[in-house]
């Protein structure tokens, strides 16, 4: 049950973080002065400040800060589902930066070729920039998954569910260290699973390796 809760929270939080972080990451690259979709400088600066601010707050403090938001969306600030809200808030700026990093790896010559053929900014973003950076994006999604998995374990301290709760409530507080070690081993196995699947998918999608 605890293993399933951790898996469910990690995957759903990652999916929602990607939903918010992917467009932000695209805007950070495409919205630059020489980008395909230039944004006003104050808007781009504000985006960078918000992302950097959220990334600089330690996760435990952030969890407590977003209690009101969790209550507003979920109806409670405690429990497995409520943990998703602070996880997404903590993860989407991280995802945005990873997406930005992936998109910056795209060969500028390919983008220039698309522009010279009359492609619109949205076409360049959706049909050139994102497809060309898929292998890197998959690797970065894998990093996000493992990071969020670590955060989800920490949420056990303030009433979150999953393996973190088992490790803290039944292992640490009740001095059943065998239970705590078992929870840690399961977390390590989950990380290995996510990493292996992510790496295989990235290799499979990398066109450079097929040449």
Foldseek 3Di string as FASTA:
>chain_A
DLLVLLVVLLVVLLVLLCVQQQVLLLCLAQCPPPHQNHDPPVVSVVSVVQLVVLQPDDLVVLLVVCQVVLCVPVVGSAESVSLSVSLSSNQNSVLSVQNNVLLVPFDVVQLVVCVVVPDHSVCCVVVPRCLLSVLSSLQSSLVSSLVSSVSQLVCLVVHYGHLNVQLVVVPVVVVVVVSNVVSVVSSVVVNVVSNVVSNVVSCVSNPVNVD
